[in-house]
């Protein structure tokens, strides 16, 4: 059995009934917003800070993580909120 088949119909766009062409959108990767990219950078810097023993370097990494988080917050505030699809909707 293929991995796709083992995952079930959700991967193929089956939502209890056949979706009208929207399963292709579900199958494609979602493009992250700039705010999400910034949050990912902040998380990377935070993880790096947790792994270093040098207190000066740790503080620098945490400062950079904070700057990425602030940039993410500013970016998110500039973007209009996009409506989400209802749960279970195709």
C-alpha atoms as a PDB file:
ATOM      1  CA  UNK A   1       0.000   0.000   0.000  1.00  0.00           C
ATOM      2  CA  UNK A   2       1.343   3.438  -0.878  1.00  0.00           C
ATOM      3  CA  UNK A   3       1.896   6.088   1.794  1.00  0.00           C
ATOM      4  CA  UNK A   4      -0.796   8.259   0.244  1.00  0.00           C
ATOM      5  CA  UNK A   5      -3.326   5.441   0.366  1.00  0.00           C
ATOM      6  CA  UNK A   6      -2.342   4.599   3.940  1.00  0.00           C
ATOM      7  CA  UNK A   7      -3.038   8.175   5.050  1.00  0.00           C
ATOM      8  CA  UNK A   8      -6.672   7.969   4.018  1.00  0.00           C
ATOM      9  CA  UNK A   9      -9.025  10.007   1.919  1.00  0.00           C
ATOM     10  CA  UNK A  10      -8.244  13.364   3.613  1.00  0.00           C
ATOM     11  CA  UNK A  11      -4.975  13.568   1.701  1.00  0.00           C
ATOM     12  CA  UNK A  12      -6.851  13.082  -1.538  1.00  0.00           C
ATOM     13  CA  UNK A  13      -9.444  15.734  -0.724  1.00  0.00           C
ATOM     14  CA  UNK A  14     -12.272  13.450   0.360  1.00  0.00           C
ATOM     15  CA  UNK A  15     -14.460  15.259   2.902  1.00  0.00           C
ATOM     16  CA  UNK A  16     -17.407  12.908   3.177  1.00  0.00           C
ATOM     17  CA  UNK A  17     -18.311  13.897  -0.340  1.00  0.00           C
ATOM     18  CA  UNK A  18     -16.319  14.775  -3.394  1.00  0.00           C
ATOM     19  CA  UNK A  19     -14.860  18.266  -3.121  1.00  0.00           C
ATOM     20  CA  UNK A  20     -15.317  20.433  -6.166  1.00  0.00           C
ATOM     21  CA  UNK A  21     -11.724  20.921  -7.243  1.00  0.00           C
ATOM     22  CA  UNK A  22     -10.496  22.316  -3.931  1.00  0.00           C
ATOM     23  CA  UNK A  23      -8.537  19.212  -3.038  1.00  0.00           C
ATOM     24  CA  UNK A  24      -5.693  20.504  -5.217  1.00  0.00           C
ATOM     25  CA  UNK A  25      -5.456  23.560  -2.984  1.00  0.00           C
ATOM     26  CA  UNK A  26      -5.289  21.327   0.091  1.00  0.00           C
ATOM     27  CA  UNK A  27      -2.589  19.203  -1.480  1.00  0.00           C
ATOM     28  CA  UNK A  28      -0.310  22.160  -2.239  1.00  0.00           C
ATOM     29  CA  UNK A  29       1.893  23.580   0.477  1.00  0.00           C
ATOM     30  CA  UNK A  30       0.598  26.647   2.201  1.00  0.00           C
ATOM     31  CA  UNK A  31       2.774  29.694   1.678  1.00  0.00           C
ATOM     32  CA  UNK A  32       3.765  31.128   5.044  1.00  0.00           C
ATOM     33  CA  UNK A  33       3.140  34.782   5.742  1.00  0.00           C
ATOM     34  CA  UNK A  34       6.080  37.052   6.386  1.00  0.00           C
ATOM     35  CA  UNK A  35       5.052  37.178  10.045  1.00  0.00           C
ATOM     36  CA  UNK A  36       5.222  33.372  10.219  1.00  0.00           C
ATOM     37  CA  UNK A  37       8.682  33.395   8.653  1.00  0.00           C
ATOM     38  CA  UNK A  38       9.779  35.957  11.252  1.00  0.00           C
ATOM     39  CA  UNK A  39       8.337  33.792  14.065  1.00  0.00           C
ATOM     40  CA  UNK A  40      10.243  30.810  12.702  1.00  0.00           C
ATOM     41  CA  UNK A  41      13.470  32.837  12.781  1.00  0.00           C
ATOM     42  CA  UNK A  42      12.728  33.861  16.372  1.00  0.00           C
ATOM     43  CA  UNK A  43      12.188  30.224  17.333  1.00  0.00           C
ATOM     44  CA  UNK A  44      15.493  29.271  15.684  1.00  0.00           C
ATOM     45  CA  UNK A  45      17.373  31.931  17.641  1.00  0.00           C
ATOM     46  CA  UNK A  46      15.663  30.893  20.874  1.00  0.00           C
ATOM     47  CA  UNK A  47      16.629  27.241  20.338  1.00  0.00           C
ATOM     48  CA  UNK A  48      20.203  28.278  19.596  1.00  0.00           C
ATOM     49  CA  UNK A  49      20.291  30.348  22.799  1.00  0.00           C
ATOM     50  CA  UNK A  50      19.139  27.323  24.799  1.00  0.00           C
ATOM     51  CA  UNK A  51      22.030  25.271  23.423  1.00  0.00           C
ATOM     52  CA  UNK A  52      24.934  27.648  24.119  1.00  0.00           C
ATOM     53  CA  UNK A  53      26.945  27.868  27.309  1.00  0.00           C
ATOM     54  CA  UNK A  54      28.311  31.355  26.594  1.00  0.00           C
ATOM     55  CA  UNK A  55      26.151  33.896  28.461  1.00  0.00           C
ATOM     56  CA  UNK A  56      27.132  36.804  26.184  1.00  0.00           C
ATOM     57  CA  UNK A  57      26.284  34.834  23.051  1.00  0.00           C
ATOM     58  CA  UNK A  58      23.045  33.587  24.663  1.00  0.00           C
ATOM     59  CA  UNK A  59      21.955  37.167  25.420  1.00  0.00           C
ATOM     60  CA  UNK A  60      22.749  38.222  21.854  1.00  0.00           C
ATOM     61  CA  UNK A  61      20.704  35.329  20.449  1.00  0.00           C
ATOM     62  CA  UNK A  62      17.780  36.104  22.759  1.00  0.00           C
ATOM     63  CA  UNK A  63      17.930  39.772  21.755  1.00  0.00           C
ATOM     64  CA  UNK A  64      17.790  38.778  18.091  1.00  0.00           C
ATOM     65  CA  UNK A  65      14.894  36.410  18.808  1.00  0.00           C
ATOM     66  CA  UNK A  66      13.027  39.264  20.481  1.00  0.00           C
ATOM     67  CA  UNK A  67      13.659  41.522  17.491  1.00  0.00           C
ATOM     68  CA  UNK A  68      12.290  38.850  15.129  1.00  0.00           C
ATOM     69  CA  UNK A  69       9.201  38.449  17.331  1.00  0.00           C
ATOM     70  CA  UNK A  70       8.599  42.205  17.378  1.00  0.00           C
ATOM     71  CA  UNK A  71       8.987  42.325  13.595  1.00  0.00           C
ATOM     72  CA  UNK A  72       6.498  39.454  13.289  1.00  0.00           C
ATOM     73  CA  UNK A  73       4.023  41.298  15.479  1.00  0.00           C
ATOM     74  CA  UNK A  74       4.374  44.488  13.427  1.00  0.00           C
ATOM     75  CA  UNK A  75       3.990  42.579  10.160  1.00  0.00           C
ATOM     76  CA  UNK A  76       0.917  40.742  11.426  1.00  0.00           C
ATOM     77  CA  UNK A  77      -0.646  44.032  12.544  1.00  0.00           C
ATOM     78  CA  UNK A  78      -0.222  45.484   9.046  1.00  0.00           C
ATOM     79  CA  UNK A  79      -1.966  42.580   7.314  1.00  0.00           C
ATOM     80  CA  UNK A  80      -5.752  42.272   7.259  1.00  0.00           C
ATOM     81  CA  UNK A  81      -7.064  39.169   8.970  1.00  0.00           C
ATOM     82  CA  UNK A  82      -7.950  36.559   6.372  1.00  0.00           C
ATOM     83  CA  UNK A  83     -11.105  34.521   7.023  1.00  0.00           C
ATOM     84  CA  UNK A  84     -10.439  30.862   7.713  1.00  0.00           C
ATOM     85  CA  UNK A  85     -12.423  28.083   6.123  1.00  0.00           C
ATOM     86  CA  UNK A  86     -14.919  26.394   8.434  1.00  0.00           C
ATOM     87  CA  UNK A  87     -13.787  23.112  10.008  1.00  0.00           C
ATOM     88  CA  UNK A  88     -14.612  20.210   7.790  1.00  0.00           C
ATOM     89  CA  UNK A  89     -15.306  22.445   4.815  1.00  0.00           C
ATOM     90  CA  UNK A  90     -13.796  21.481   1.501  1.00  0.00           C
END
